[in-house]
C-alpha atoms as a PDB file:
ATOM      1  CA  MET A   1       4.001  23.539 -21.094  1.00  0.00           C
ATOM      2  CA  LYS A   2       3.205  27.249 -21.444  1.00  0.00           C
ATOM      3  CA  CYS A   3       5.931  29.761 -20.680  1.00  0.00           C
ATOM      4  CA  PRO A   4       5.054  31.715 -17.505  1.00  0.00           C
ATOM      5  CA  SER A   5       6.589  34.878 -19.037  1.00  0.00           C
ATOM      6  CA  CYS A   6       5.108  35.058 -22.539  1.00  0.00           C
ATOM      7  CA  GLY A   7       2.560  32.199 -22.606  1.00  0.00           C
ATOM      8  CA  TYR A   8       4.131  30.487 -25.626  1.00  0.00           C
ATOM      9  CA  PRO A   9       3.023  26.816 -25.592  1.00  0.00           C
ATOM     10  CA  GLU A  10       6.355  25.207 -26.549  1.00  0.00           C
ATOM     11  CA  SER A  11       9.504  24.777 -24.511  1.00  0.00           C
ATOM     12  CA  LYS A  12      12.491  22.459 -24.500  1.00  0.00           C
ATOM     13  CA  VAL A  13      13.877  20.551 -21.538  1.00  0.00           C
ATOM     14  CA  VAL A  14      17.357  21.778 -20.592  1.00  0.00           C
ATOM     15  CA  ASP A  15      17.940  19.621 -17.500  1.00  0.00           C
ATOM     16  CA  SER A  16      16.070  16.826 -15.621  1.00  0.00           C
ATOM     17  CA  ARG A  17      16.775  15.539 -12.115  1.00  0.00           C
ATOM     18  CA  PRO A  18      14.961  13.017  -9.948  1.00  0.00           C
ATOM     19  CA  ILE A  19      13.882  14.328  -6.534  1.00  0.00           C
ATOM     20  CA  GLU A  20      12.163  12.893  -3.455  1.00  0.00           C
ATOM     21  CA  GLU A  21      13.758   9.454  -3.795  1.00  0.00           C
ATOM     22  CA  GLY A  22      12.842   9.167  -7.462  1.00  0.00           C
ATOM     23  CA  SER A  23       9.114   9.710  -7.009  1.00  0.00           C
ATOM     24  CA  SER A  24       9.165  12.988  -8.942  1.00  0.00           C
ATOM     25  CA  ILE A  25      11.278  14.832 -11.502  1.00  0.00           C
ATOM     26  CA  ARG A  26      12.448  18.437 -11.551  1.00  0.00           C
ATOM     27  CA  ARG A  27      12.832  19.835 -15.084  1.00  0.00           C
ATOM     28  CA  ARG A  28      14.492  23.065 -16.208  1.00  0.00           C
ATOM     29  CA  ARG A  29      12.808  24.293 -19.376  1.00  0.00           C
ATOM     30  CA  GLU A  30      13.565  27.030 -21.857  1.00  0.00           C
ATOM     31  CA  CYS A  31      10.841  28.853 -23.798  1.00  0.00           C
ATOM     32  CA  MET A  32      11.211  28.474 -27.572  1.00  0.00           C
ATOM     33  CA  ALA A  33       9.920  32.030 -28.149  1.00  0.00           C
ATOM     34  CA  CYS A  34      11.432  34.331 -25.499  1.00  0.00           C
ATOM     35  CA  GLY A  35      14.315  32.161 -24.233  1.00  0.00           C
ATOM     36  CA  LYS A  36      13.370  32.520 -20.535  1.00  0.00           C
ATOM     37  CA  ARG A  37      13.993  29.515 -18.312  1.00  0.00           C
ATOM     38  CA  PHE A  38      11.571  28.077 -15.792  1.00  0.00           C
ATOM     39  CA  THR A  39      11.237  24.994 -13.614  1.00  0.00           C
ATOM     40  CA  THR A  40       8.484  22.358 -13.664  1.00  0.00           C
ATOM     41  CA  PHE A  41       7.898  19.323 -11.475  1.00  0.00           C
ATOM     42  CA  GLU A  42       6.494  15.996 -12.605  1.00  0.00           C
ATOM     43  CA  VAL A  43       4.905  13.643 -10.066  1.00  0.00           C
ATOM     44  CA  ILE A  44       3.122  10.318 -10.361  1.00  0.00           C
ATOM     45  CA  ASP A  45      -0.633  10.699 -10.308  1.00  0.00           C
ATOM     46  CA  HIS A  46      -1.917   7.858  -8.129  1.00  0.00           C
ATOM     47  CA  ILE A  47      -5.382   6.436  -8.556  1.00  0.00           C
ATOM     48  CA  GLN A  48      -7.313   7.061  -5.354  1.00  0.00           C
ATOM     49  CA  VAL A  49      -8.582   3.659  -4.207  1.00  0.00           C
ATOM     50  CA  ILE A  50     -12.031   3.603  -2.604  1.00  0.00           C
ATOM     51  CA  VAL A  51     -12.683   1.104   0.186  1.00  0.00           C
ATOM     52  CA  ARG A  52     -16.164  -0.367   0.504  1.00  0.00           C
ATOM     53  CA  LYS A  53     -16.836  -1.030   4.184  1.00  0.00           C
ATOM     54  CA  LYS A  54     -18.879  -3.881   5.694  1.00  0.00           C
ATOM     55  CA  GLY A  55     -21.810  -1.592   6.404  1.00  0.00           C
ATOM     56  CA  GLY A  56     -21.951  -0.400   2.792  1.00  0.00           C
ATOM     57  CA  GLY A  57     -20.224   2.940   3.325  1.00  0.00           C
ATOM     58  CA  LYS A  58     -17.284   4.032   1.212  1.00  0.00           C
ATOM     59  CA  GLU A  59     -14.126   5.985   1.981  1.00  0.00           C
ATOM     60  CA  PHE A  60     -10.717   6.565   0.462  1.00  0.00           C
ATOM     61  CA  PHE A  61      -7.993   4.038   1.301  1.00  0.00           C
ATOM     62  CA  ASP A  62      -6.115   5.226   4.369  1.00  0.00           C
ATOM     63  CA  ARG A  63      -2.728   3.584   4.851  1.00  0.00           C
ATOM     64  CA  ALA A  64      -2.588   4.920   8.417  1.00  0.00           C
ATOM     65  CA  LYS A  65      -5.658   2.855   9.376  1.00  0.00           C
ATOM     66  CA  LEU A  66      -4.145  -0.305   7.938  1.00  0.00           C
ATOM     67  CA  LEU A  67      -0.821   0.447   9.598  1.00  0.00           C
ATOM     68  CA  SER A  68      -2.526   0.963  12.959  1.00  0.00           C
ATOM     69  CA  GLY A  69      -4.050  -2.522  12.847  1.00  0.00           C
ATOM     70  CA  LEU A  70      -0.802  -4.074  11.684  1.00  0.00           C
ATOM     71  CA  MET A  71       1.182  -2.299  14.418  1.00  0.00           C
ATOM     72  CA  LYS A  72      -1.115  -3.708  17.101  1.00  0.00           C
ATOM     73  CA  ALA A  73      -0.750  -7.217  15.699  1.00  0.00           C
ATOM     74  CA  CYS A  74       3.026  -6.891  15.348  1.00  0.00           C
ATOM     75  CA  GLN A  75       3.664  -5.331  18.749  1.00  0.00           C
ATOM     76  CA  LYS A  76       6.854  -6.789  20.278  1.00  0.00           C
ATOM     77  CA  ARG A  77       7.314  -9.011  17.218  1.00  0.00           C
ATOM     78  CA  PRO A  78      10.188  -8.879  14.690  1.00  0.00           C
ATOM     79  CA  VAL A  79       7.887  -7.739  11.880  1.00  0.00           C
ATOM     80  CA  ASP A  80       8.107  -4.543   9.834  1.00  0.00           C
ATOM     81  CA  ALA A  81       4.460  -3.451   9.833  1.00  0.00           C
ATOM     82  CA  GLU A  82       5.345  -0.334   7.815  1.00  0.00           C
ATOM     83  CA  ALA A  83       6.790  -2.468   5.010  1.00  0.00           C
ATOM     84  CA  ILE A  84       3.703  -4.694   4.932  1.00  0.00           C
ATOM     85  CA  ALA A  85       1.375  -1.674   4.781  1.00  0.00           C
ATOM     86  CA  ALA A  86       3.464  -0.156   1.979  1.00  0.00           C
ATOM     87  CA  GLU A  87       3.416  -3.465   0.090  1.00  0.00           C
ATOM     88  CA  ILE A  88      -0.371  -3.710   0.342  1.00  0.00           C
ATOM     89  CA  GLU A  89      -0.813  -0.100  -0.741  1.00  0.00           C
ATOM     90  CA  THR A  90       1.458  -0.682  -3.745  1.00  0.00           C
ATOM     91  CA  GLU A  91      -0.466  -3.815  -4.717  1.00  0.00           C
ATOM     92  CA  LEU A  92      -3.744  -1.895  -4.524  1.00  0.00           C
ATOM     93  CA  GLN A  93      -2.334   0.920  -6.678  1.00  0.00           C
ATOM     94  CA  ASN A  94      -0.902  -1.532  -9.216  1.00  0.00           C
ATOM     95  CA  SER A  95      -4.144  -3.495  -9.449  1.00  0.00           C
ATOM     96  CA  LEU A  96      -5.718  -0.477 -11.214  1.00  0.00           C
ATOM     97  CA  ARG A  97      -8.981  -1.215  -9.425  1.00  0.00           C
ATOM     98  CA  SER A  98     -10.763   1.861  -8.223  1.00  0.00           C
ATOM     99  CA  GLU A  99     -12.692   0.050  -5.490  1.00  0.00           C
ATOM    100  CA  VAL A 100     -11.844  -2.747  -3.022  1.00  0.00           C
ATOM    101  CA  THR A 101     -13.561  -4.142   0.057  1.00  0.00           C
ATOM    102  CA  THR A 102     -12.284  -4.127   3.610  1.00  0.00           C
ATOM    103  CA  ALA A 103     -12.451  -7.935   3.405  1.00  0.00           C
ATOM    104  CA  GLU A 104      -9.972  -7.967   0.513  1.00  0.00           C
ATOM    105  CA  ILE A 105      -7.559  -5.691   2.366  1.00  0.00           C
ATOM    106  CA  GLY A 106      -7.870  -7.784   5.533  1.00  0.00           C
ATOM    107  CA  GLU A 107      -7.159 -10.997   3.608  1.00  0.00           C
ATOM    108  CA  MET A 108      -4.105  -9.395   1.979  1.00  0.00           C
ATOM    109  CA  ALA A 109      -2.790  -8.369   5.397  1.00  0.00           C
ATOM    110  CA  MET A 110      -3.393 -11.811   6.903  1.00  0.00           C
ATOM    111  CA  GLU A 111      -1.677 -13.526   3.965  1.00  0.00           C
ATOM    112  CA  LYS A 112       1.421 -11.371   4.397  1.00  0.00           C
ATOM    113  CA  LEU A 113       1.504 -11.762   8.180  1.00  0.00           C
ATOM    114  CA  LYS A 114       1.040 -15.523   7.920  1.00  0.00           C
ATOM    115  CA  ALA A 115       4.143 -15.702   5.717  1.00  0.00           C
ATOM    116  CA  VAL A 116       6.378 -13.734   8.106  1.00  0.00           C
ATOM    117  CA  ASP A 117       5.127 -14.257  11.676  1.00  0.00           C
ATOM    118  CA  GLU A 118       2.470 -16.663  12.942  1.00  0.00           C
ATOM    119  CA  VAL A 119       1.903 -14.818  16.221  1.00  0.00           C
ATOM    120  CA  ALA A 120       1.249 -11.506  14.457  1.00  0.00           C
ATOM    121  CA  TYR A 121      -1.015 -13.374  12.039  1.00  0.00           C
ATOM    122  CA  VAL A 122      -3.105 -14.883  14.857  1.00  0.00           C
ATOM    123  CA  ARG A 123      -3.343 -11.519  16.623  1.00  0.00           C
ATOM    124  CA  PHE A 124      -4.534  -9.789  13.450  1.00  0.00           C
ATOM    125  CA  ALA A 125      -6.920 -12.628  12.583  1.00  0.00           C
ATOM    126  CA  SER A 126      -8.449 -12.600  16.071  1.00  0.00           C
ATOM    127  CA  VAL A 127      -9.571  -9.004  15.589  1.00  0.00           C
ATOM    128  CA  TYR A 128     -10.256  -9.153  11.850  1.00  0.00           C
ATOM    129  CA  ARG A 129     -12.274 -12.382  11.942  1.00  0.00           C
ATOM    130  CA  GLU A 130     -14.009 -11.316  15.162  1.00  0.00           C
ATOM    131  CA  PHE A 131     -13.569 -14.574  17.065  1.00  0.00           C
ATOM    132  CA  ARG A 132     -16.556 -14.935  19.362  1.00  0.00           C
ATOM    133  CA  ASP A 133     -15.224 -17.712  21.593  1.00  0.00           C
ATOM    134  CA  VAL A 134     -12.196 -19.848  22.394  1.00  0.00           C
ATOM    135  CA  GLU A 135     -13.305 -22.601  20.002  1.00  0.00           C
ATOM    136  CA  SER A 136     -13.226 -20.328  16.942  1.00  0.00           C
ATOM    137  CA  PHE A 137      -9.772 -19.136  18.032  1.00  0.00           C
ATOM    138  CA  MET A 138      -8.583 -22.732  18.470  1.00  0.00           C
ATOM    139  CA  ALA A 139      -9.973 -23.701  15.044  1.00  0.00           C
ATOM    140  CA  GLU A 140      -7.834 -20.974  13.456  1.00  0.00           C
ATOM    141  CA  LEU A 141      -4.769 -22.215  15.361  1.00  0.00           C
ATOM    142  CA  ARG A 142      -5.417 -25.826  14.261  1.00  0.00           C
ATOM    143  CA  GLU A 143      -5.716 -24.677  10.644  1.00  0.00           C
ATOM    144  CA  LEU A 144      -2.465 -22.733  10.924  1.00  0.00           C
ATOM    145  CA  GLN A 145      -0.721 -25.727  12.475  1.00  0.00           C
ATOM    146  CA  GLN A 146      -2.039 -28.076   9.751  1.00  0.00           C
ATOM    147  CA  THR A 147      -0.860 -25.693   7.010  1.00  0.00           C
ATOM    148  CA  LYS A 148       2.579 -25.571   8.637  1.00  0.00           C
ATOM    149  CA  GLN A 149       2.766 -29.390   8.811  1.00  0.00           C
ATOM    150  CA  ASP A 150       1.668 -29.736   5.184  1.00  0.00           C
ATOM    151  CA  THR A 151       4.351 -27.258   4.121  1.00  0.00           C
ATOM    152  CA  GLN A 152       7.051 -29.115   6.083  1.00  0.00           C
ATOM    153  CA  GLU A 153       6.026 -32.446   4.515  1.00  0.00           C
ATOM    154  CA  VAL A 154       6.294 -30.988   1.019  1.00  0.00           C
ATOM    155  CA  GLU A 155       9.797 -29.633   1.761  1.00  0.00           C
ATOM    156  CA  VAL A 156      11.052 -33.066   2.930  1.00  0.00           C
END
């Protein structure tokens, strides 16, 4: 880190403190040449995930868009949509993949909703899977019910 006063390339860290809930670090440094002190900030450099849309277009991952869909599905339900969106975003960042599809994100959201609230899951699935008629909706409900029965049988 170059000294802002003299431009010398070496400095020593005098003090370090986490800031912003531990997502960055504030460091007090001292120049090895002139002795002046200055402050630097270290932050995590996130990989920007690109989302490939159904139509072939691409855009950067937008947590707000995901959260909007989750909020609609979780309306008046005891589900923390914000936590689910944050969890999905973290998984995408940790996957180290630079590109994902909307289908992958939708499946991740449905998996998480299915585990915490069946009503929110069905609401999200009805929009995400674009049910065309009552029969496709009922098929999804039957599958959900069968999965629930299979899980209960395994537990007994």
